[in-house]
C-alpha atoms as a PDB file:
ATOM      1  CA  MET A   1       0.000   0.000   0.000  1.00  0.00           C
ATOM      2  CA  THR A   2       1.283   3.475  -0.854  1.00  0.00           C
ATOM      3  CA  THR A   3       0.459   6.908   0.539  1.00  0.00           C
ATOM      4  CA  THR A   4       1.075  10.391  -0.865  1.00  0.00           C
ATOM      5  CA  THR A   5       3.292  12.846   1.011  1.00  0.00           C
ATOM      6  CA  CYS A   6       2.705  16.598   1.169  1.00  0.00           C
ATOM      7  CA  ASN A   7       4.986  17.157  -1.859  1.00  0.00           C
ATOM      8  CA  GLY A   8       3.099  14.611  -3.941  1.00  0.00           C
ATOM      9  CA  ALA A   9       5.689  11.828  -3.709  1.00  0.00           C
ATOM     10  CA  LEU A  10       4.565   8.253  -3.204  1.00  0.00           C
ATOM     11  CA  THR A  11       5.833   6.345  -0.183  1.00  0.00           C
ATOM     12  CA  LYS A  12       5.123   2.845   1.056  1.00  0.00           C
ATOM     13  CA  ALA A  13       2.978   2.775   4.206  1.00  0.00           C
ATOM     14  CA  THR A  14       4.229   0.784   7.163  1.00  0.00           C
ATOM     15  CA  PRO A  15       1.888  -2.046   8.221  1.00  0.00           C
ATOM     16  CA  VAL A  16       0.499  -1.780  11.728  1.00  0.00           C
ATOM     17  CA  ILE A  17       0.439  -5.585  11.797  1.00  0.00           C
ATOM     18  CA  GLU A  18       2.418  -7.948   9.600  1.00  0.00           C
ATOM     19  CA  LEU A  19       2.433 -11.743   9.487  1.00  0.00           C
ATOM     20  CA  ARG A  20       5.431 -13.360   7.831  1.00  0.00           C
ATOM     21  CA  GLY A  21       5.280 -17.052   6.996  1.00  0.00           C
ATOM     22  CA  VAL A  22       2.884 -17.855   9.835  1.00  0.00           C
ATOM     23  CA  SER A  23       1.904 -21.503  10.242  1.00  0.00           C
ATOM     24  CA  LYS A  24      -0.458 -23.186  12.689  1.00  0.00           C
ATOM     25  CA  PHE A  25      -1.223 -26.883  12.998  1.00  0.00           C
ATOM     26  CA  PHE A  26      -4.072 -28.720  14.704  1.00  0.00           C
ATOM     27  CA  ASP A  27      -3.642 -32.479  15.043  1.00  0.00           C
ATOM     28  CA  ASN A  28      -0.758 -32.247  12.568  1.00  0.00           C
ATOM     29  CA  LYS A  29      -3.069 -30.668   9.989  1.00  0.00           C
ATOM     30  CA  PRO A  30      -1.915 -27.275   8.673  1.00  0.00           C
ATOM     31  CA  ILE A  31      -4.595 -24.620   9.204  1.00  0.00           C
ATOM     32  CA  LEU A  32      -2.259 -21.762   8.323  1.00  0.00           C
ATOM     33  CA  ASP A  33       0.558 -22.640   5.939  1.00  0.00           C
ATOM     34  CA  GLU A  34       3.285 -19.989   5.855  1.00  0.00           C
ATOM     35  CA  ALA A  35       0.639 -17.252   5.492  1.00  0.00           C
ATOM     36  CA  ASP A  36       1.699 -13.664   4.840  1.00  0.00           C
ATOM     37  CA  LEU A  37      -0.521 -10.711   5.738  1.00  0.00           C
ATOM     38  CA  GLU A  38      -0.113  -6.944   5.996  1.00  0.00           C
ATOM     39  CA  ILE A  39      -2.650  -4.689   7.735  1.00  0.00           C
ATOM     40  CA  TYR A  40      -2.270  -0.970   7.105  1.00  0.00           C
ATOM     41  CA  PRO A  41      -3.528   2.096   8.995  1.00  0.00           C
ATOM     42  CA  GLY A  42      -7.134   2.793   8.010  1.00  0.00           C
ATOM     43  CA  ASP A  43      -7.645  -0.666   6.511  1.00  0.00           C
ATOM     44  CA  ALA A  44     -11.191  -2.000   6.272  1.00  0.00           C
ATOM     45  CA  LEU A  45     -10.021  -5.509   5.507  1.00  0.00           C
ATOM     46  CA  ALA A  46     -12.369  -8.463   5.003  1.00  0.00           C
ATOM     47  CA  ILE A  47     -11.025 -12.020   5.074  1.00  0.00           C
ATOM     48  CA  ILE A  48     -13.259 -14.501   3.295  1.00  0.00           C
ATOM     49  CA  GLY A  49     -13.101 -18.163   2.385  1.00  0.00           C
ATOM     50  CA  PRO A  50     -14.727 -21.533   3.113  1.00  0.00           C
ATOM     51  CA  SER A  51     -15.376 -22.747   6.636  1.00  0.00           C
ATOM     52  CA  GLY A  52     -12.462 -24.351   8.418  1.00  0.00           C
ATOM     53  CA  THR A  53      -9.740 -22.587   6.434  1.00  0.00           C
ATOM     54  CA  GLY A  54      -8.208 -20.660   9.315  1.00  0.00           C
ATOM     55  CA  LYS A  55      -9.981 -17.289   9.261  1.00  0.00           C
ATOM     56  CA  SER A  56     -10.802 -17.242  12.975  1.00  0.00           C
ATOM     57  CA  THR A  57      -7.409 -18.794  13.710  1.00  0.00           C
ATOM     58  CA  ILE A  58      -5.608 -15.924  12.023  1.00  0.00           C
ATOM     59  CA  LEU A  59      -7.624 -13.388  14.064  1.00  0.00           C
ATOM     60  CA  ARG A  60      -6.658 -15.129  17.286  1.00  0.00           C
ATOM     61  CA  ALA A  61      -3.031 -15.168  16.210  1.00  0.00           C
ATOM     62  CA  ILE A  62      -3.162 -11.439  15.451  1.00  0.00           C
ATOM     63  CA  ALA A  63      -4.824 -10.773  18.816  1.00  0.00           C
ATOM     64  CA  GLY A  64      -2.111 -12.736  20.628  1.00  0.00           C
ATOM     65  CA  LEU A  65      -4.644 -15.218  21.985  1.00  0.00           C
ATOM     66  CA  MET A  66      -3.159 -18.259  20.230  1.00  0.00           C
ATOM     67  CA  PRO A  67       0.470 -19.278  19.761  1.00  0.00           C
ATOM     68  CA  ILE A  68       1.756 -19.847  16.242  1.00  0.00           C
ATOM     69  CA  ASP A  69       3.920 -22.836  15.355  1.00  0.00           C
ATOM     70  CA  SER A  70       6.274 -20.970  13.028  1.00  0.00           C
ATOM     71  CA  GLY A  71       6.696 -17.592  11.377  1.00  0.00           C
ATOM     72  CA  GLU A  72       6.746 -14.090  12.800  1.00  0.00           C
ATOM     73  CA  ILE A  73       4.193 -11.432  13.759  1.00  0.00           C
ATOM     74  CA  TYR A  74       5.211  -7.769  13.788  1.00  0.00           C
ATOM     75  CA  VAL A  75       3.184  -5.056  15.508  1.00  0.00           C
ATOM     76  CA  ASN A  76       4.136  -1.535  14.398  1.00  0.00           C
ATOM     77  CA  GLY A  77       7.377  -3.007  13.117  1.00  0.00           C
ATOM     78  CA  LYS A  78       8.198  -4.684  16.429  1.00  0.00           C
ATOM     79  CA  LEU A  79       8.497  -8.468  16.575  1.00  0.00           C
ATOM     80  CA  ARG A  80       5.939  -9.905  18.974  1.00  0.00           C
ATOM     81  CA  LYS A  81       7.205 -12.564  21.335  1.00  0.00           C
ATOM     82  CA  GLY A  82       4.738 -14.782  23.184  1.00  0.00           C
ATOM     83  CA  LEU A  83       1.027 -14.285  23.727  1.00  0.00           C
ATOM     84  CA  ILE A  84      -0.782 -11.063  24.554  1.00  0.00           C
ATOM     85  CA  GLU A  85      -0.274 -11.362  28.319  1.00  0.00           C
ATOM     86  CA  GLU A  86       3.449 -11.939  27.781  1.00  0.00           C
ATOM     87  CA  SER A  87       4.104  -9.233  25.192  1.00  0.00           C
ATOM     88  CA  THR A  88       4.365  -5.452  25.258  1.00  0.00           C
ATOM     89  CA  ASP A  89       2.653  -4.638  21.953  1.00  0.00           C
ATOM     90  CA  PRO A  90       3.083  -0.975  20.969  1.00  0.00           C
ATOM     91  CA  LEU A  91      -0.603  -0.714  20.109  1.00  0.00           C
ATOM     92  CA  ALA A  92      -3.855  -2.049  21.533  1.00  0.00           C
ATOM     93  CA  ILE A  93      -5.883  -4.683  19.687  1.00  0.00           C
ATOM     94  CA  SER A  94      -9.538  -5.454  20.443  1.00  0.00           C
ATOM     95  CA  MET A  95     -11.582  -8.430  19.298  1.00  0.00           C
ATOM     96  CA  VAL A  96     -15.320  -8.891  18.838  1.00  0.00           C
ATOM     97  CA  PHE A  97     -16.094 -12.598  19.134  1.00  0.00           C
ATOM     98  CA  GLN A  98     -18.670 -14.448  17.067  1.00  0.00           C
ATOM     99  CA  GLN A  99     -20.857 -15.357  20.038  1.00  0.00           C
ATOM    100  CA  ALA A 100     -20.347 -11.992  21.824  1.00  0.00           C
ATOM    101  CA  ALA A 101     -18.626 -13.857  24.717  1.00  0.00           C
ATOM    102  CA  LEU A 102     -20.286 -11.816  27.475  1.00  0.00           C
ATOM    103  CA  PHE A 103     -20.011 -12.786  31.135  1.00  0.00           C
ATOM    104  CA  ASP A 104     -23.501 -14.050  31.941  1.00  0.00           C
ATOM    105  CA  SER A 105     -23.149 -13.291  35.661  1.00  0.00           C
ATOM    106  CA  LEU A 106     -22.297  -9.620  35.078  1.00  0.00           C
ATOM    107  CA  THR A 107     -24.573  -6.790  34.033  1.00  0.00           C
ATOM    108  CA  VAL A 108     -24.177  -5.119  30.655  1.00  0.00           C
ATOM    109  CA  ALA A 109     -22.369  -2.194  32.306  1.00  0.00           C
ATOM    110  CA  GLU A 110     -20.013  -4.537  34.164  1.00  0.00           C
ATOM    111  CA  ASN A 111     -19.281  -6.417  30.919  1.00  0.00           C
ATOM    112  CA  VAL A 112     -18.551  -3.251  28.966  1.00  0.00           C
ATOM    113  CA  GLY A 113     -16.384  -1.709  31.682  1.00  0.00           C
ATOM    114  CA  PHE A 114     -14.656  -4.940  32.675  1.00  0.00           C
ATOM    115  CA  ALA A 115     -11.176  -4.021  31.391  1.00  0.00           C
ATOM    116  CA  LEU A 116     -11.234  -0.595  33.031  1.00  0.00           C
ATOM    117  CA  TYR A 117     -12.471  -2.006  36.336  1.00  0.00           C
ATOM    118  CA  GLN A 118      -9.685  -4.599  36.269  1.00  0.00           C
ATOM    119  CA  HIS A 119      -6.745  -2.684  34.834  1.00  0.00           C
ATOM    120  CA  SER A 120      -7.213   1.061  35.332  1.00  0.00           C
ATOM    121  CA  GLN A 121      -6.954   3.387  38.317  1.00  0.00           C
ATOM    122  CA  LEU A 122     -10.090   5.295  37.315  1.00  0.00           C
ATOM    123  CA  PRO A 123     -12.744   5.835  39.991  1.00  0.00           C
ATOM    124  CA  PRO A 124     -15.945   3.798  39.527  1.00  0.00           C
ATOM    125  CA  GLN A 125     -18.014   6.904  38.741  1.00  0.00           C
ATOM    126  CA  ARG A 126     -15.688   7.848  35.868  1.00  0.00           C
ATOM    127  CA  ILE A 127     -15.777   4.300  34.497  1.00  0.00           C
ATOM    128  CA  GLN A 128     -19.574   4.409  34.625  1.00  0.00           C
ATOM    129  CA  GLU A 129     -19.550   7.633  32.577  1.00  0.00           C
ATOM    130  CA  ILE A 130     -17.303   6.012  29.944  1.00  0.00           C
ATOM    131  CA  VAL A 131     -19.509   2.896  29.881  1.00  0.00           C
ATOM    132  CA  ASP A 132     -22.644   5.001  29.402  1.00  0.00           C
ATOM    133  CA  TYR A 133     -20.995   6.821  26.494  1.00  0.00           C
ATOM    134  CA  ALA A 134     -19.917   3.531  24.868  1.00  0.00           C
ATOM    135  CA  LEU A 135     -23.454   2.136  25.165  1.00  0.00           C
ATOM    136  CA  GLU A 136     -24.837   5.282  23.547  1.00  0.00           C
ATOM    137  CA  LEU A 137     -22.345   4.849  20.687  1.00  0.00           C
ATOM    138  CA  VAL A 138     -23.765   1.411  19.895  1.00  0.00           C
ATOM    139  CA  GLY A 139     -27.388   2.483  20.276  1.00  0.00           C
ATOM    140  CA  LEU A 140     -28.071   0.960  23.697  1.00  0.00           C
ATOM    141  CA  PRO A 141     -28.499   3.903  26.082  1.00  0.00           C
ATOM    142  CA  GLY A 142     -29.791   2.849  29.482  1.00  0.00           C
ATOM    143  CA  ALA A 143     -29.006  -0.852  28.936  1.00  0.00           C
ATOM    144  CA  GLY A 144     -26.308  -0.938  31.624  1.00  0.00           C
ATOM    145  CA  PRO A 145     -28.378  -2.537  34.413  1.00  0.00           C
ATOM    146  CA  LEU A 146     -29.656  -5.370  32.183  1.00  0.00           C
ATOM    147  CA  MET A 147     -28.267  -8.896  32.280  1.00  0.00           C
ATOM    148  CA  PRO A 148     -27.057 -10.555  29.057  1.00  0.00           C
ATOM    149  CA  SER A 149     -29.945 -13.047  29.287  1.00  0.00           C
ATOM    150  CA  GLU A 150     -32.351 -10.140  28.857  1.00  0.00           C
ATOM    151  CA  LEU A 151     -30.863  -9.125  25.495  1.00  0.00           C
ATOM    152  CA  SER A 152     -31.574 -10.247  21.951  1.00  0.00           C
ATOM    153  CA  GLY A 153     -28.779 -11.695  19.834  1.00  0.00           C
ATOM    154  CA  GLY A 154     -28.264  -8.402  18.011  1.00  0.00           C
ATOM    155  CA  MET A 155     -28.159  -6.460  21.280  1.00  0.00           C
ATOM    156  CA  ARG A 156     -25.554  -8.842  22.699  1.00  0.00           C
ATOM    157  CA  LYS A 157     -23.406  -8.234  19.616  1.00  0.00           C
ATOM    158  CA  ARG A 158     -23.692  -4.474  20.125  1.00  0.00           C
ATOM    159  CA  VAL A 159     -22.669  -4.823  23.779  1.00  0.00           C
ATOM    160  CA  SER A 160     -19.586  -6.710  22.626  1.00  0.00           C
ATOM    161  CA  PHE A 161     -18.815  -3.790  20.266  1.00  0.00           C
ATOM    162  CA  ALA A 162     -19.091  -1.344  23.176  1.00  0.00           C
ATOM    163  CA  ARG A 163     -16.698  -3.489  25.205  1.00  0.00           C
ATOM    164  CA  ALA A 164     -14.239  -3.624  22.286  1.00  0.00           C
ATOM    165  CA  VAL A 165     -13.950   0.170  22.021  1.00  0.00           C
ATOM    166  CA  MET A 166     -13.624   0.801  25.757  1.00  0.00           C
ATOM    167  CA  HIS A 167     -10.519   2.680  26.831  1.00  0.00           C
ATOM    168  CA  ASP A 168      -9.378   5.391  29.204  1.00  0.00           C
ATOM    169  CA  PRO A 169      -9.911   8.640  27.249  1.00  0.00           C
ATOM    170  CA  ASP A 170      -7.109  10.250  29.264  1.00  0.00           C
ATOM    171  CA  ASN A 171      -4.679   7.532  28.100  1.00  0.00           C
ATOM    172  CA  ARG A 172      -4.667   7.390  24.302  1.00  0.00           C
ATOM    173  CA  ASN A 173      -2.282   4.418  24.373  1.00  0.00           C
ATOM    174  CA  SER A 174      -5.120   2.336  25.819  1.00  0.00           C
ATOM    175  CA  ALA A 175      -7.382   2.960  22.798  1.00  0.00           C
ATOM    176  CA  PRO A 176      -7.605  -0.006  20.386  1.00  0.00           C
ATOM    177  CA  SER A 177      -5.714   0.779  17.187  1.00  0.00           C
ATOM    178  CA  VAL A 178      -7.033  -2.355  15.453  1.00  0.00           C
ATOM    179  CA  VAL A 179     -10.395  -4.066  15.933  1.00  0.00           C
ATOM    180  CA  LEU A 180     -10.859  -7.703  14.895  1.00  0.00           C
ATOM    181  CA  TYR A 181     -14.409  -8.800  14.049  1.00  0.00           C
ATOM    182  CA  ASP A 182     -15.067 -12.551  13.997  1.00  0.00           C
ATOM    183  CA  GLU A 183     -18.381 -13.185  12.195  1.00  0.00           C
ATOM    184  CA  PRO A 184     -20.277 -10.392  14.013  1.00  0.00           C
ATOM    185  CA  THR A 185     -23.448 -10.908  11.924  1.00  0.00           C
ATOM    186  CA  ALA A 186     -23.547 -14.708  12.170  1.00  0.00           C
ATOM    187  CA  GLY A 187     -26.999 -15.939  13.136  1.00  0.00           C
ATOM    188  CA  LEU A 188     -28.674 -12.543  12.737  1.00  0.00           C
ATOM    189  CA  ASP A 189     -31.603 -11.755  10.467  1.00  0.00           C
ATOM    190  CA  PRO A 190     -30.965  -9.380   7.520  1.00  0.00           C
ATOM    191  CA  ILE A 191     -32.235  -6.285   9.353  1.00  0.00           C
ATOM    192  CA  ALA A 192     -30.190  -6.986  12.488  1.00  0.00           C
ATOM    193  CA  SER A 193     -27.183  -7.658  10.240  1.00  0.00           C
ATOM    194  CA  THR A 194     -27.604  -4.266   8.582  1.00  0.00           C
ATOM    195  CA  VAL A 195     -27.639  -2.591  12.004  1.00  0.00           C
ATOM    196  CA  ILE A 196     -24.336  -4.285  12.897  1.00  0.00           C
ATOM    197  CA  GLU A 197     -22.776  -3.505   9.497  1.00  0.00           C
ATOM    198  CA  ASP A 198     -23.760   0.145   9.816  1.00  0.00           C
ATOM    199  CA  LEU A 199     -22.305   0.171  13.324  1.00  0.00           C
ATOM    200  CA  VAL A 200     -18.941  -1.128  12.071  1.00  0.00           C
ATOM    201  CA  ARG A 201     -18.745   1.710   9.543  1.00  0.00           C
ATOM    202  CA  TYR A 202     -20.005   4.291  12.042  1.00  0.00           C
ATOM    203  CA  LEU A 203     -17.340   3.324  14.544  1.00  0.00           C
ATOM    204  CA  GLN A 204     -14.677   3.477  11.827  1.00  0.00           C
ATOM    205  CA  ARG A 205     -15.829   6.903  10.665  1.00  0.00           C
ATOM    206  CA  ASP A 206     -16.620   8.593  13.964  1.00  0.00           C
ATOM    207  CA  VAL A 207     -14.606   6.787  16.636  1.00  0.00           C
ATOM    208  CA  SER A 208     -10.870   7.163  16.129  1.00  0.00           C
ATOM    209  CA  ALA A 209     -10.177   3.961  18.052  1.00  0.00           C
ATOM    210  CA  CYS A 210     -11.846   1.852  15.319  1.00  0.00           C
ATOM    211  CA  SER A 211     -10.399   3.289  12.117  1.00  0.00           C
ATOM    212  CA  THR A 212      -8.502   0.083  11.285  1.00  0.00           C
ATOM    213  CA  TYR A 213     -10.235  -3.276  11.375  1.00  0.00           C
ATOM    214  CA  VAL A 214     -10.254  -6.827  10.063  1.00  0.00           C
ATOM    215  CA  MET A 215     -13.602  -8.458   9.345  1.00  0.00           C
ATOM    216  CA  VAL A 216     -14.096 -12.216   9.024  1.00  0.00           C
ATOM    217  CA  SER A 217     -17.463 -13.137   7.558  1.00  0.00           C
ATOM    218  CA  HIS A 218     -19.297 -15.590   5.300  1.00  0.00           C
ATOM    219  CA  GLN A 219     -22.261 -13.237   4.885  1.00  0.00           C
ATOM    220  CA  GLU A 220     -22.115 -11.476   1.524  1.00  0.00           C
ATOM    221  CA  SER A 221     -23.863  -8.309   2.692  1.00  0.00           C
ATOM    222  CA  THR A 222     -21.365  -7.958   5.536  1.00  0.00           C
ATOM    223  CA  ILE A 223     -18.425  -8.541   3.206  1.00  0.00           C
ATOM    224  CA  ARG A 224     -19.630  -5.960   0.703  1.00  0.00           C
ATOM    225  CA  ARG A 225     -20.777  -3.317   3.195  1.00  0.00           C
ATOM    226  CA  THR A 226     -17.833  -3.437   5.607  1.00  0.00           C
ATOM    227  CA  GLY A 227     -14.888  -4.463   3.435  1.00  0.00           C
ATOM    228  CA  ASP A 228     -12.804  -2.186   1.226  1.00  0.00           C
ATOM    229  CA  ARG A 229      -9.944  -4.627   0.704  1.00  0.00           C
ATOM    230  CA  ILE A 230     -10.730  -8.338   0.402  1.00  0.00           C
ATOM    231  CA  LEU A 231      -8.451 -11.330   0.979  1.00  0.00           C
ATOM    232  CA  PHE A 232      -9.440 -14.906   0.132  1.00  0.00           C
ATOM    233  CA  LEU A 233      -7.999 -17.554   2.458  1.00  0.00           C
ATOM    234  CA  TYR A 234      -7.917 -21.170   1.330  1.00  0.00           C
ATOM    235  CA  GLN A 235      -5.667 -24.112   2.205  1.00  0.00           C
ATOM    236  CA  GLY A 236      -3.805 -22.011   4.731  1.00  0.00           C
ATOM    237  CA  LYS A 237      -2.717 -19.262   2.336  1.00  0.00           C
ATOM    238  CA  PHE A 238      -4.154 -16.066   0.906  1.00  0.00           C
ATOM    239  CA  GLN A 239      -5.048 -17.025  -2.662  1.00  0.00           C
ATOM    240  CA  TRP A 240      -6.533 -13.741  -3.925  1.00  0.00           C
ATOM    241  CA  SER A 241      -6.689 -10.081  -2.964  1.00  0.00           C
ATOM    242  CA  GLY A 242      -8.671  -7.204  -4.425  1.00  0.00           C
ATOM    243  CA  SER A 243     -11.125  -4.416  -3.754  1.00  0.00           C
ATOM    244  CA  VAL A 244     -14.762  -5.078  -2.932  1.00  0.00           C
ATOM    245  CA  SER A 245     -15.737  -3.945  -6.454  1.00  0.00           C
ATOM    246  CA  GLU A 246     -13.389  -6.549  -7.943  1.00  0.00           C
ATOM    247  CA  LEU A 247     -15.442  -9.337  -6.393  1.00  0.00           C
ATOM    248  CA  ASP A 248     -17.824  -8.991  -9.337  1.00  0.00           C
ATOM    249  CA  THR A 249     -15.158  -8.833 -12.042  1.00  0.00           C
ATOM    250  CA  THR A 250     -12.464 -11.271 -10.941  1.00  0.00           C
ATOM    251  CA  ASP A 251     -12.023 -14.489 -12.888  1.00  0.00           C
ATOM    252  CA  ASN A 252     -10.372 -16.202  -9.911  1.00  0.00           C
ATOM    253  CA  PRO A 253     -12.129 -19.603  -9.776  1.00  0.00           C
ATOM    254  CA  LEU A 254     -11.979 -19.806  -5.965  1.00  0.00           C
ATOM    255  CA  VAL A 255     -13.738 -16.471  -5.508  1.00  0.00           C
ATOM    256  CA  ARG A 256     -16.246 -17.201  -8.255  1.00  0.00           C
ATOM    257  CA  GLN A 257     -17.192 -20.552  -6.699  1.00  0.00           C
ATOM    258  CA  PHE A 258     -17.413 -19.107  -3.199  1.00  0.00           C
ATOM    259  CA  LEU A 259     -19.720 -16.244  -4.201  1.00  0.00           C
ATOM    260  CA  SER A 260     -21.922 -18.421  -6.384  1.00  0.00           C
ATOM    261  CA  ALA A 261     -22.232 -21.091  -3.666  1.00  0.00           C
ATOM    262  CA  SER A 262     -21.502 -23.742  -6.284  1.00  0.00           C
ATOM    263  CA  VAL A 263     -20.390 -27.221  -5.256  1.00  0.00           C
ATOM    264  CA  GLN A 264     -18.485 -27.447  -8.545  1.00  0.00           C
ATOM    265  CA  GLY A 265     -15.042 -25.918  -8.672  1.00  0.00           C
ATOM    266  CA  PRO A 266     -11.573 -25.956  -7.113  1.00  0.00           C
ATOM    267  CA  ILE A 267     -12.851 -25.649  -3.523  1.00  0.00           C
ATOM    268  CA  LYS A 268     -13.111 -29.192  -2.213  1.00  0.00           C
ATOM    269  CA  VAL A 269     -16.583 -29.959  -0.875  1.00  0.00           C
ATOM    270  CA  ALA A 270     -17.255 -32.987   1.318  1.00  0.00           C
ATOM    271  CA  PRO A 271     -20.111 -34.984  -0.231  1.00  0.00           C
ATOM    272  CA  ALA A 272     -23.321 -35.317   1.754  1.00  0.00           C
ATOM    273  CA  ARG A 273     -23.783 -38.691   3.361  1.00  0.00           C
ATOM    274  CA  ARG A 274     -26.693 -40.630   1.930  1.00  0.00           C
ATOM    275  CA  VAL A 275     -28.924 -42.475   4.395  1.00  0.00           C
END
């Protein structure tokens, strides 16, 4: 990716996150196979591909939640060593999980403010003010006292978004520089999906902490409405990259088969068992 300087010259942007030759095995099966990836400032990156090809795995590797078996991960040009609790990454990374992953025994407000309650020196009243603001951002004002069991699926997803953007406004280093979305519209109806997709773009546009993100999704509306740059992951490697508009013009057989939902093509499909 290139950027233009004030004198009109082109210069290569530095990735905020870079994966070099990253591999991950489960039961001796390669899920990621020497995968390379660069994430740039301001990226709205969507990773697509068939189920079981390592999309969620690569998010967890980026987040520092899962060890890799080989390769290197650089964060702002600095080699990461170990997992997130062992490293000193020079930027904060947040993750929105597919199933929201809320603590069922905590209220919405306690879920959203969890990191600040645990790791900041802010007084409880100040944390409550920040929580209230985050809930307003995601369209859930006044939801703080509710329990997760009282929320719909779409509301739970929005609470997880509020939790992902939480930070101490007086400490800019605590603000997430990259947000990782793992299937945030999975299981939602089309209208609820649109609400979540709009929220992703709203947070990118109006909340500086969410200007760079990676979206993993199978849902075509989510891919098209939240992705600017698209990467296709298959057999542990990125097989195609392009803009969202190029999805309709590419002749790449993997992308064409995936978008058409055809069982015929280079993507191997397990046959249905006949009974």
